[in-house]
C-alpha atoms as a PDB file:
ATOM      1  CA  MET A   1      -9.800 -35.232 -49.538  1.00  0.00           C
ATOM      2  CA  SER A   2      -7.206 -36.546 -47.104  1.00  0.00           C
ATOM      3  CA  ASN A   3      -7.724 -35.457 -43.505  1.00  0.00           C
ATOM      4  CA  ILE A   4      -3.963 -34.775 -43.384  1.00  0.00           C
ATOM      5  CA  ALA A   5      -3.097 -31.659 -45.367  1.00  0.00           C
ATOM      6  CA  LEU A   6       0.672 -32.040 -44.999  1.00  0.00           C
ATOM      7  CA  ASN A   7       2.573 -35.167 -44.055  1.00  0.00           C
ATOM      8  CA  ILE A   8       6.355 -34.997 -43.600  1.00  0.00           C
ATOM      9  CA  GLU A   9       8.331 -38.086 -42.595  1.00  0.00           C
ATOM     10  CA  GLY A  10      12.067 -38.251 -42.018  1.00  0.00           C
ATOM     11  CA  LEU A  11      12.798 -35.131 -44.070  1.00  0.00           C
ATOM     12  CA  SER A  12      16.469 -34.206 -44.356  1.00  0.00           C
ATOM     13  CA  LYS A  13      18.441 -31.712 -46.396  1.00  0.00           C
ATOM     14  CA  THR A  14      22.225 -31.565 -46.515  1.00  0.00           C
ATOM     15  CA  TYR A  15      23.859 -28.827 -48.545  1.00  0.00           C
ATOM     16  CA  PRO A  16      27.375 -29.056 -50.007  1.00  0.00           C
ATOM     17  CA  GLY A  17      30.025 -28.972 -47.300  1.00  0.00           C
ATOM     18  CA  GLU A  18      27.933 -31.259 -45.075  1.00  0.00           C
ATOM     19  CA  VAL A  19      25.737 -28.379 -43.949  1.00  0.00           C
ATOM     20  CA  LYS A  20      22.677 -30.090 -42.450  1.00  0.00           C
ATOM     21  CA  ALA A  21      19.735 -27.691 -42.850  1.00  0.00           C
ATOM     22  CA  LEU A  22      17.126 -30.312 -41.892  1.00  0.00           C
ATOM     23  CA  LYS A  23      17.782 -33.359 -39.726  1.00  0.00           C
ATOM     24  CA  ASN A  24      15.181 -36.086 -40.137  1.00  0.00           C
ATOM     25  CA  ILE A  25      12.134 -33.961 -39.267  1.00  0.00           C
ATOM     26  CA  SER A  26       8.579 -35.325 -39.198  1.00  0.00           C
ATOM     27  CA  LEU A  27       5.273 -33.531 -38.706  1.00  0.00           C
ATOM     28  CA  GLN A  28       1.639 -33.782 -39.700  1.00  0.00           C
ATOM     29  CA  VAL A  29      -0.784 -30.908 -40.255  1.00  0.00           C
ATOM     30  CA  GLU A  30      -4.454 -31.836 -40.283  1.00  0.00           C
ATOM     31  CA  SER A  31      -6.826 -30.428 -42.878  1.00  0.00           C
ATOM     32  CA  GLY A  32      -8.466 -27.225 -41.642  1.00  0.00           C
ATOM     33  CA  ASP A  33      -5.691 -26.449 -39.159  1.00  0.00           C
ATOM     34  CA  PHE A  34      -4.036 -23.061 -38.698  1.00  0.00           C
ATOM     35  CA  TYR A  35      -0.491 -24.205 -37.917  1.00  0.00           C
ATOM     36  CA  ALA A  36       2.574 -22.269 -36.779  1.00  0.00           C
ATOM     37  CA  LEU A  37       6.051 -23.369 -37.841  1.00  0.00           C
ATOM     38  CA  LEU A  38       8.388 -21.205 -35.792  1.00  0.00           C
ATOM     39  CA  GLY A  39      12.124 -20.992 -35.324  1.00  0.00           C
ATOM     40  CA  PRO A  40      15.023 -18.548 -35.212  1.00  0.00           C
ATOM     41  CA  ASN A  41      16.801 -17.410 -38.362  1.00  0.00           C
ATOM     42  CA  GLY A  42      18.684 -20.290 -39.956  1.00  0.00           C
ATOM     43  CA  ALA A  43      16.625 -22.938 -38.147  1.00  0.00           C
ATOM     44  CA  GLY A  44      15.489 -24.640 -41.363  1.00  0.00           C
ATOM     45  CA  LYS A  45      11.998 -23.181 -41.903  1.00  0.00           C
ATOM     46  CA  SER A  46      12.654 -21.762 -45.369  1.00  0.00           C
ATOM     47  CA  THR A  47      14.418 -24.955 -46.454  1.00  0.00           C
ATOM     48  CA  ALA A  48      11.392 -26.997 -45.400  1.00  0.00           C
ATOM     49  CA  ILE A  49       9.024 -24.668 -47.270  1.00  0.00           C
ATOM     50  CA  GLY A  50      11.311 -24.775 -50.303  1.00  0.00           C
ATOM     51  CA  ILE A  51      11.132 -28.577 -50.346  1.00  0.00           C
ATOM     52  CA  ILE A  52       7.351 -28.640 -49.899  1.00  0.00           C
ATOM     53  CA  SER A  53       6.931 -26.200 -52.806  1.00  0.00           C
ATOM     54  CA  SER A  54       9.472 -28.103 -54.974  1.00  0.00           C
ATOM     55  CA  LEU A  55      11.951 -25.223 -55.101  1.00  0.00           C
ATOM     56  CA  VAL A  56      14.556 -27.152 -53.078  1.00  0.00           C
ATOM     57  CA  THR A  57      15.542 -30.775 -53.645  1.00  0.00           C
ATOM     58  CA  LYS A  58      15.398 -32.867 -50.494  1.00  0.00           C
ATOM     59  CA  THR A  59      18.179 -35.239 -49.503  1.00  0.00           C
ATOM     60  CA  SER A  60      15.800 -37.844 -48.086  1.00  0.00           C
ATOM     61  CA  GLY A  61      12.334 -38.283 -46.640  1.00  0.00           C
ATOM     62  CA  LEU A  62       8.683 -38.178 -47.656  1.00  0.00           C
ATOM     63  CA  VAL A  63       6.459 -35.148 -48.311  1.00  0.00           C
ATOM     64  CA  GLU A  64       2.754 -35.566 -49.080  1.00  0.00           C
ATOM     65  CA  ILE A  65       0.221 -32.806 -49.758  1.00  0.00           C
ATOM     66  CA  LEU A  66      -3.347 -34.004 -49.214  1.00  0.00           C
ATOM     67  CA  GLY A  67      -2.054 -37.576 -49.512  1.00  0.00           C
ATOM     68  CA  ILE A  68      -0.217 -36.848 -52.782  1.00  0.00           C
ATOM     69  CA  ASP A  69       3.514 -37.660 -52.840  1.00  0.00           C
ATOM     70  CA  ILE A  70       5.295 -34.600 -54.274  1.00  0.00           C
ATOM     71  CA  ASP A  71       7.801 -36.868 -56.035  1.00  0.00           C
ATOM     72  CA  LYS A  72       5.275 -39.247 -57.607  1.00  0.00           C
ATOM     73  CA  ASN A  73       2.641 -36.709 -58.695  1.00  0.00           C
ATOM     74  CA  HIS A  74       4.351 -33.341 -58.666  1.00  0.00           C
ATOM     75  CA  SER A  75       1.811 -31.459 -60.843  1.00  0.00           C
ATOM     76  CA  LEU A  76      -1.257 -32.560 -58.881  1.00  0.00           C
ATOM     77  CA  ALA A  77       0.437 -31.800 -55.555  1.00  0.00           C
ATOM     78  CA  LYS A  78       1.273 -28.259 -56.704  1.00  0.00           C
ATOM     79  CA  LYS A  79      -2.363 -27.623 -57.663  1.00  0.00           C
ATOM     80  CA  LYS A  80      -3.312 -28.237 -54.029  1.00  0.00           C
ATOM     81  CA  LEU A  81      -0.725 -25.774 -52.727  1.00  0.00           C
ATOM     82  CA  GLY A  82      -0.314 -22.004 -52.484  1.00  0.00           C
ATOM     83  CA  VAL A  83       2.874 -20.421 -51.121  1.00  0.00           C
ATOM     84  CA  VAL A  84       3.571 -16.838 -50.083  1.00  0.00           C
ATOM     85  CA  GLY A  85       7.343 -16.484 -49.913  1.00  0.00           C
ATOM     86  CA  GLN A  86       9.370 -13.800 -48.178  1.00  0.00           C
ATOM     87  CA  GLU A  87      10.497 -12.172 -51.429  1.00  0.00           C
ATOM     88  CA  VAL A  88       8.247 -10.393 -53.930  1.00  0.00           C
ATOM     89  CA  ASN A  89       8.118 -12.715 -56.937  1.00  0.00           C
ATOM     90  CA  PHE A  90       5.771 -11.235 -59.519  1.00  0.00           C
ATOM     91  CA  ASN A  91       6.451  -9.269 -62.696  1.00  0.00           C
ATOM     92  CA  GLN A  92       6.767  -5.695 -61.447  1.00  0.00           C
ATOM     93  CA  PHE A  93       5.798  -4.275 -64.856  1.00  0.00           C
ATOM     94  CA  GLU A  94       2.513  -6.182 -65.170  1.00  0.00           C
ATOM     95  CA  THR A  95      -0.645  -4.652 -63.802  1.00  0.00           C
ATOM     96  CA  VAL A  96      -2.059  -6.089 -60.599  1.00  0.00           C
ATOM     97  CA  TYR A  97      -4.881  -7.635 -62.636  1.00  0.00           C
ATOM     98  CA  GLN A  98      -2.432  -9.244 -65.064  1.00  0.00           C
ATOM     99  CA  VAL A  99      -0.315 -10.704 -62.266  1.00  0.00           C
ATOM    100  CA  LEU A 100      -3.324 -12.531 -60.867  1.00  0.00           C
ATOM    101  CA  SER A 101      -4.968 -13.587 -64.131  1.00  0.00           C
ATOM    102  CA  HIS A 102      -1.695 -14.918 -65.563  1.00  0.00           C
ATOM    103  CA  GLN A 103      -1.026 -16.878 -62.360  1.00  0.00           C
ATOM    104  CA  ALA A 104      -4.519 -18.406 -62.530  1.00  0.00           C
ATOM    105  CA  GLY A 105      -3.915 -19.375 -66.149  1.00  0.00           C
ATOM    106  CA  TYR A 106      -0.927 -21.529 -65.171  1.00  0.00           C
ATOM    107  CA  TYR A 107      -3.320 -23.954 -63.461  1.00  0.00           C
ATOM    108  CA  GLY A 108      -5.299 -24.729 -66.595  1.00  0.00           C
ATOM    109  CA  MET A 109      -8.431 -22.912 -65.487  1.00  0.00           C
ATOM    110  CA  SER A 110     -11.076 -21.918 -67.989  1.00  0.00           C
ATOM    111  CA  SER A 111     -11.250 -18.250 -68.978  1.00  0.00           C
ATOM    112  CA  LYS A 112     -14.436 -17.920 -66.938  1.00  0.00           C
ATOM    113  CA  GLU A 113     -12.739 -19.340 -63.815  1.00  0.00           C
ATOM    114  CA  VAL A 114      -9.702 -17.105 -64.300  1.00  0.00           C
ATOM    115  CA  VAL A 115     -11.880 -13.980 -64.410  1.00  0.00           C
ATOM    116  CA  LYS A 116     -14.017 -15.119 -61.481  1.00  0.00           C
ATOM    117  CA  ASN A 117     -11.063 -15.933 -59.205  1.00  0.00           C
ATOM    118  CA  THR A 118      -9.077 -12.852 -60.200  1.00  0.00           C
ATOM    119  CA  HIS A 119     -12.015 -10.565 -59.423  1.00  0.00           C
ATOM    120  CA  TYR A 120     -12.781 -12.348 -56.161  1.00  0.00           C
ATOM    121  CA  TYR A 121      -9.278 -12.178 -54.669  1.00  0.00           C
ATOM    122  CA  LEU A 122      -8.624  -8.628 -55.849  1.00  0.00           C
ATOM    123  CA  LYS A 123     -11.738  -7.533 -54.007  1.00  0.00           C
ATOM    124  CA  ALA A 124     -11.223  -9.793 -50.973  1.00  0.00           C
ATOM    125  CA  LEU A 125      -7.737  -8.419 -50.385  1.00  0.00           C
ATOM    126  CA  GLY A 126      -8.547  -4.776 -51.038  1.00  0.00           C
ATOM    127  CA  LEU A 127      -6.685  -4.596 -54.356  1.00  0.00           C
ATOM    128  CA  TRP A 128      -9.574  -3.935 -56.728  1.00  0.00           C
ATOM    129  CA  ASP A 129      -8.972  -0.184 -56.927  1.00  0.00           C
ATOM    130  CA  LYS A 130      -5.306  -0.904 -57.780  1.00  0.00           C
ATOM    131  CA  ARG A 131      -6.061  -3.487 -60.485  1.00  0.00           C
ATOM    132  CA  ASN A 132      -4.747  -1.326 -63.342  1.00  0.00           C
ATOM    133  CA  GLU A 133      -1.612  -0.193 -61.493  1.00  0.00           C
ATOM    134  CA  GLN A 134       1.749  -1.766 -62.299  1.00  0.00           C
ATOM    135  CA  GLY A 135       2.990  -3.942 -59.470  1.00  0.00           C
ATOM    136  CA  ARG A 136       6.098  -1.808 -59.003  1.00  0.00           C
ATOM    137  CA  ASN A 137       3.922   1.180 -58.048  1.00  0.00           C
ATOM    138  CA  LEU A 138       2.301  -0.561 -55.083  1.00  0.00           C
ATOM    139  CA  SER A 139       3.269   0.129 -51.482  1.00  0.00           C
ATOM    140  CA  GLY A 140       5.108  -2.586 -49.575  1.00  0.00           C
ATOM    141  CA  GLY A 141       1.912  -3.629 -47.789  1.00  0.00           C
ATOM    142  CA  MET A 142      -0.063  -3.829 -51.020  1.00  0.00           C
ATOM    143  CA  LYS A 143       2.672  -5.948 -52.594  1.00  0.00           C
ATOM    144  CA  ARG A 144       2.332  -8.399 -49.693  1.00  0.00           C
ATOM    145  CA  ARG A 145      -1.428  -8.516 -50.274  1.00  0.00           C
ATOM    146  CA  LEU A 146      -0.867  -9.210 -53.957  1.00  0.00           C
ATOM    147  CA  MET A 147       1.479 -12.043 -53.012  1.00  0.00           C
ATOM    148  CA  VAL A 148      -1.282 -13.572 -50.884  1.00  0.00           C
ATOM    149  CA  ALA A 149      -3.829 -13.156 -53.687  1.00  0.00           C
ATOM    150  CA  LYS A 150      -1.412 -14.746 -56.153  1.00  0.00           C
ATOM    151  CA  ALA A 151      -0.960 -17.767 -53.875  1.00  0.00           C
ATOM    152  CA  LEU A 152      -4.726 -18.185 -53.463  1.00  0.00           C
ATOM    153  CA  VAL A 153      -5.951 -17.586 -57.018  1.00  0.00           C
ATOM    154  CA  ASN A 154      -6.014 -21.338 -57.753  1.00  0.00           C
ATOM    155  CA  ASN A 155      -8.112 -21.968 -54.605  1.00  0.00           C
ATOM    156  CA  PRO A 156      -5.494 -24.233 -52.937  1.00  0.00           C
ATOM    157  CA  ASP A 157      -6.398 -26.551 -50.075  1.00  0.00           C
ATOM    158  CA  LEU A 158      -3.100 -25.777 -48.331  1.00  0.00           C
ATOM    159  CA  LEU A 159      -1.661 -22.260 -47.994  1.00  0.00           C
ATOM    160  CA  ILE A 160       1.866 -21.692 -46.655  1.00  0.00           C
ATOM    161  CA  LEU A 161       2.748 -18.183 -45.507  1.00  0.00           C
ATOM    162  CA  ASP A 162       6.418 -17.375 -44.943  1.00  0.00           C
ATOM    163  CA  GLU A 163       6.579 -14.085 -43.002  1.00  0.00           C
ATOM    164  CA  PRO A 164       3.421 -12.681 -44.667  1.00  0.00           C
ATOM    165  CA  SER A 165       3.203  -9.504 -42.587  1.00  0.00           C
ATOM    166  CA  ALA A 166       6.887  -8.514 -42.642  1.00  0.00           C
ATOM    167  CA  GLY A 167       7.080  -4.789 -43.350  1.00  0.00           C
ATOM    168  CA  VAL A 168       3.301  -4.379 -43.267  1.00  0.00           C
ATOM    169  CA  ASP A 169       1.788  -1.584 -41.169  1.00  0.00           C
ATOM    170  CA  ILE A 170      -0.480  -2.399 -38.244  1.00  0.00           C
ATOM    171  CA  GLU A 171      -3.760  -1.644 -40.037  1.00  0.00           C
ATOM    172  CA  LEU A 172      -2.903  -3.809 -43.036  1.00  0.00           C
ATOM    173  CA  ARG A 173      -1.595  -6.569 -40.772  1.00  0.00           C
ATOM    174  CA  ARG A 174      -4.816  -6.711 -38.763  1.00  0.00           C
ATOM    175  CA  SER A 175      -6.977  -6.806 -41.890  1.00  0.00           C
ATOM    176  CA  LEU A 176      -4.744  -9.574 -43.289  1.00  0.00           C
ATOM    177  CA  TRP A 177      -5.222 -11.533 -40.043  1.00  0.00           C
ATOM    178  CA  ASP A 178      -8.995 -11.189 -40.376  1.00  0.00           C
ATOM    179  CA  PHE A 179      -8.901 -12.417 -43.962  1.00  0.00           C
ATOM    180  CA  LEU A 180      -6.718 -15.411 -43.092  1.00  0.00           C
ATOM    181  CA  LYS A 181      -9.024 -16.381 -40.214  1.00  0.00           C
ATOM    182  CA  GLU A 182     -11.974 -16.165 -42.590  1.00  0.00           C
ATOM    183  CA  ILE A 183     -10.503 -18.472 -45.249  1.00  0.00           C
ATOM    184  CA  ASN A 184      -9.306 -20.866 -42.552  1.00  0.00           C
ATOM    185  CA  ASN A 185     -12.857 -21.027 -41.172  1.00  0.00           C
ATOM    186  CA  GLN A 186     -13.994 -21.850 -44.704  1.00  0.00           C
ATOM    187  CA  GLY A 187     -11.674 -24.868 -44.800  1.00  0.00           C
ATOM    188  CA  THR A 188      -8.300 -23.699 -46.118  1.00  0.00           C
ATOM    189  CA  THR A 189      -5.419 -25.216 -44.165  1.00  0.00           C
ATOM    190  CA  ILE A 190      -2.807 -22.584 -43.314  1.00  0.00           C
ATOM    191  CA  ILE A 191       0.804 -22.973 -42.211  1.00  0.00           C
ATOM    192  CA  LEU A 192       2.385 -19.775 -40.924  1.00  0.00           C
ATOM    193  CA  THR A 193       5.972 -18.828 -40.228  1.00  0.00           C
ATOM    194  CA  THR A 194       6.473 -15.471 -38.555  1.00  0.00           C
ATOM    195  CA  HIS A 195       8.782 -13.550 -36.241  1.00  0.00           C
ATOM    196  CA  TYR A 196       5.746 -11.691 -34.863  1.00  0.00           C
ATOM    197  CA  LEU A 197       5.061 -14.256 -32.161  1.00  0.00           C
ATOM    198  CA  GLU A 198       1.892 -12.517 -30.981  1.00  0.00           C
ATOM    199  CA  GLU A 199       0.598 -13.135 -34.515  1.00  0.00           C
ATOM    200  CA  ALA A 200       1.121 -16.885 -34.151  1.00  0.00           C
ATOM    201  CA  GLU A 201      -0.407 -16.880 -30.663  1.00  0.00           C
ATOM    202  CA  LYS A 202      -3.579 -15.149 -31.859  1.00  0.00           C
ATOM    203  CA  LEU A 203      -4.049 -17.104 -35.090  1.00  0.00           C
ATOM    204  CA  CYS A 204      -2.691 -20.621 -34.737  1.00  0.00           C
ATOM    205  CA  LYS A 205      -4.215 -23.723 -33.170  1.00  0.00           C
ATOM    206  CA  ASN A 206      -1.119 -25.953 -33.270  1.00  0.00           C
ATOM    207  CA  ILE A 207       2.594 -25.316 -33.406  1.00  0.00           C
ATOM    208  CA  SER A 208       5.974 -26.856 -34.145  1.00  0.00           C
ATOM    209  CA  ILE A 209       9.200 -25.126 -33.163  1.00  0.00           C
ATOM    210  CA  ILE A 210      12.291 -25.912 -35.223  1.00  0.00           C
ATOM    211  CA  ASP A 211      15.844 -25.124 -34.180  1.00  0.00           C
ATOM    212  CA  GLU A 212      19.122 -26.047 -35.865  1.00  0.00           C
ATOM    213  CA  GLY A 213      17.329 -28.282 -38.346  1.00  0.00           C
ATOM    214  CA  SER A 214      15.364 -30.335 -35.799  1.00  0.00           C
ATOM    215  CA  ILE A 215      11.836 -30.133 -34.419  1.00  0.00           C
ATOM    216  CA  VAL A 216      12.239 -29.334 -30.718  1.00  0.00           C
ATOM    217  CA  LYS A 217       8.546 -29.051 -29.828  1.00  0.00           C
ATOM    218  CA  THR A 218       5.165 -29.958 -31.317  1.00  0.00           C
ATOM    219  CA  SER A 219       2.035 -29.070 -29.382  1.00  0.00           C
ATOM    220  CA  SER A 220      -1.341 -27.440 -29.456  1.00  0.00           C
ATOM    221  CA  MET A 221      -0.975 -23.705 -28.877  1.00  0.00           C
ATOM    222  CA  ASN A 222      -3.069 -23.844 -25.697  1.00  0.00           C
ATOM    223  CA  SER A 223      -1.061 -26.710 -24.207  1.00  0.00           C
ATOM    224  CA  LEU A 224       2.222 -24.981 -24.954  1.00  0.00           C
ATOM    225  CA  LEU A 225       1.129 -21.695 -23.393  1.00  0.00           C
ATOM    226  CA  ASN A 226      -0.020 -23.540 -20.286  1.00  0.00           C
ATOM    227  CA  GLU A 227       3.554 -24.728 -19.739  1.00  0.00           C
ATOM    228  CA  LEU A 228       4.649 -21.224 -18.794  1.00  0.00           C
ATOM    229  CA  GLU A 229       5.595 -21.254 -15.107  1.00  0.00           C
ATOM    230  CA  THR A 230       5.266 -17.524 -14.396  1.00  0.00           C
ATOM    231  CA  GLN A 231       3.470 -14.545 -15.877  1.00  0.00           C
ATOM    232  CA  ASN A 232       4.082 -10.866 -15.239  1.00  0.00           C
ATOM    233  CA  TYR A 233       1.153  -8.572 -14.400  1.00  0.00           C
ATOM    234  CA  LEU A 234       1.175  -4.803 -14.170  1.00  0.00           C
ATOM    235  CA  PHE A 235      -1.207  -3.309 -11.594  1.00  0.00           C
ATOM    236  CA  GLU A 236      -2.227   0.360 -11.611  1.00  0.00           C
ATOM    237  CA  LEU A 237      -3.385   1.498  -8.198  1.00  0.00           C
ATOM    238  CA  LYS A 238      -5.838   4.201  -7.187  1.00  0.00           C
ATOM    239  CA  ASN A 239      -3.668   5.557  -4.393  1.00  0.00           C
ATOM    240  CA  SER A 240       0.078   5.760  -3.875  1.00  0.00           C
ATOM    241  CA  ILE A 241       1.722   2.939  -1.990  1.00  0.00           C
ATOM    242  CA  SER A 242       4.943   2.409  -0.057  1.00  0.00           C
ATOM    243  CA  SER A 243       7.553  -0.273  -0.638  1.00  0.00           C
ATOM    244  CA  GLU A 244       6.506  -2.083   2.556  1.00  0.00           C
ATOM    245  CA  LEU A 245       4.855  -4.728   0.375  1.00  0.00           C
ATOM    246  CA  ASP A 246       8.262  -6.309  -0.151  1.00  0.00           C
ATOM    247  CA  ASN A 247       7.475  -8.639   2.773  1.00  0.00           C
ATOM    248  CA  SER A 248       4.220  -9.877   1.272  1.00  0.00           C
ATOM    249  CA  GLY A 249       5.651 -13.095  -0.168  1.00  0.00           C
ATOM    250  CA  PHE A 250       5.010 -12.064  -3.765  1.00  0.00           C
ATOM    251  CA  ASP A 251       7.632 -11.072  -6.324  1.00  0.00           C
ATOM    252  CA  PHE A 252       6.823  -7.331  -6.447  1.00  0.00           C
ATOM    253  CA  ASN A 253       8.612  -4.757  -8.561  1.00  0.00           C
ATOM    254  CA  PHE A 254       7.762  -1.109  -7.870  1.00  0.00           C
ATOM    255  CA  ILE A 255       7.514   0.886 -11.101  1.00  0.00           C
ATOM    256  CA  ASN A 256       6.391   4.016  -9.253  1.00  0.00           C
ATOM    257  CA  ASP A 257       4.164   4.759  -6.242  1.00  0.00           C
ATOM    258  CA  ARG A 258       1.024   3.799  -8.184  1.00  0.00           C
ATOM    259  CA  GLN A 259       2.297   1.032 -10.448  1.00  0.00           C
ATOM    260  CA  ILE A 260       3.468  -2.420  -9.385  1.00  0.00           C
ATOM    261  CA  SER A 261       4.484  -5.383 -11.508  1.00  0.00           C
ATOM    262  CA  ILE A 262       4.246  -8.873 -10.059  1.00  0.00           C
ATOM    263  CA  ASN A 263       5.620 -12.177 -11.327  1.00  0.00           C
ATOM    264  CA  VAL A 264       2.832 -14.635 -10.589  1.00  0.00           C
ATOM    265  CA  SER A 265       3.834 -18.297 -10.608  1.00  0.00           C
ATOM    266  CA  LYS A 266       1.573 -21.290 -10.910  1.00  0.00           C
ATOM    267  CA  LYS A 267       2.111 -21.838  -7.193  1.00  0.00           C
ATOM    268  CA  ASN A 268       0.615 -18.421  -6.406  1.00  0.00           C
ATOM    269  CA  SER A 269      -2.626 -17.931  -8.316  1.00  0.00           C
ATOM    270  CA  LEU A 270      -3.726 -14.489  -9.433  1.00  0.00           C
ATOM    271  CA  ASN A 271      -6.659 -14.785  -7.028  1.00  0.00           C
ATOM    272  CA  GLU A 272      -4.212 -14.832  -4.115  1.00  0.00           C
ATOM    273  CA  VAL A 273      -2.669 -11.570  -5.303  1.00  0.00           C
ATOM    274  CA  ILE A 274      -6.116  -9.962  -5.619  1.00  0.00           C
ATOM    275  CA  ARG A 275      -7.027 -11.233  -2.142  1.00  0.00           C
ATOM    276  CA  PHE A 276      -3.825  -9.733  -0.721  1.00  0.00           C
ATOM    277  CA  PHE A 277      -4.683  -6.339  -2.226  1.00  0.00           C
ATOM    278  CA  SER A 278      -8.201  -6.532  -0.831  1.00  0.00           C
ATOM    279  CA  GLU A 279      -7.043  -7.469   2.669  1.00  0.00           C
ATOM    280  CA  ASN A 280      -4.627  -4.521   2.682  1.00  0.00           C
ATOM    281  CA  ASN A 281      -7.207  -2.037   1.330  1.00  0.00           C
ATOM    282  CA  ILE A 282      -5.268  -1.501  -1.902  1.00  0.00           C
ATOM    283  CA  GLU A 283      -7.607  -0.527  -4.727  1.00  0.00           C
ATOM    284  CA  VAL A 284      -6.628  -1.688  -8.224  1.00  0.00           C
ATOM    285  CA  VAL A 285      -7.893   0.444 -11.128  1.00  0.00           C
ATOM    286  CA  ASN A 286      -6.322  -1.555 -13.973  1.00  0.00           C
ATOM    287  CA  MET A 287      -4.456  -4.815 -14.520  1.00  0.00           C
ATOM    288  CA  THR A 288      -2.492  -5.839 -17.627  1.00  0.00           C
ATOM    289  CA  ASN A 289      -0.768  -9.121 -18.454  1.00  0.00           C
ATOM    290  CA  GLU A 290       2.665  -7.953 -19.592  1.00  0.00           C
ATOM    291  CA  THR A 291       3.974 -11.402 -20.533  1.00  0.00           C
ATOM    292  CA  ASN A 292       4.531 -12.271 -24.179  1.00  0.00           C
ATOM    293  CA  ARG A 293       3.813 -15.901 -23.380  1.00  0.00           C
ATOM    294  CA  LEU A 294       4.820 -17.486 -26.659  1.00  0.00           C
ATOM    295  CA  GLU A 295       8.006 -15.422 -26.826  1.00  0.00           C
ATOM    296  CA  GLU A 296       9.067 -16.619 -23.371  1.00  0.00           C
ATOM    297  CA  LEU A 297       8.489 -20.268 -24.284  1.00  0.00           C
ATOM    298  CA  PHE A 298      10.130 -19.839 -27.683  1.00  0.00           C
ATOM    299  CA  LEU A 299      13.262 -18.409 -26.104  1.00  0.00           C
ATOM    300  CA  ASN A 300      13.379 -21.210 -23.546  1.00  0.00           C
ATOM    301  CA  LEU A 301      12.991 -23.945 -26.162  1.00  0.00           C
ATOM    302  CA  THR A 302      15.560 -22.503 -28.541  1.00  0.00           C
ATOM    303  CA  ASN A 303      18.021 -21.511 -25.781  1.00  0.00           C
ATOM    304  CA  LYS A 304      18.191 -17.960 -27.089  1.00  0.00           C
ATOM    305  CA  LYS A 305      17.924 -16.122 -23.750  1.00  0.00           C
END
């Protein structure tokens, strides 16, 4: 198996009317990675996924899945790939079991493999009790789970998730996160697009941000988050406090007499703030980092503030 799960070189897509959805983008995703591809609406994410999954014809460029050129060996490349799109795309009148078993059958699996994989993913994604229900009778969250199961039933090496938790309640979303982390730990490469940026921050190891058809940033998640110049902390205090702290040198914001938020820059470490409290006999009972770090960086990089 190639150690590069997805290789994109010079990928462009121009729609009629000279609408440039993708402008010569390149990126590599290593096998075993959990990769975030983020961008605002209309940035080009769905076009890129459409090209990778052969639903959209590219204008130019190279796309390889596990070293397989999607143009030269389309069928083999598709066997290595699973895609969860934004829209529900299964037969709503088939039972949940039929949706999965029919999808498995498209990959030329033996009857034994079809049954084995269908049973496994129905159980793994909490759909076993719904196996005889028609797809149209499932809740929105269960439909998303079925979409994930459908994309995985052929045991792909590369899984692409386009907004997988959109419309899913918190409990289902967390259990889906746990499942995705588990299969990633087992070796499945995952590429995630999401507007829930905390989801990407918790799950993904590396990230590319796309805006207006171009890649504007590629980085490890840790390195990107370390670029943030300031973070906002909320301190809850044991006793009430006056606004005399305004002359402390820190960027204080008084929420009320027992709550203070502070913007802490890299120049002023958090230890200095704690030391200041200690020297002034201010007892802190709780501290919370209020900064959505990835959101701040995302907004800066895409100029959406």
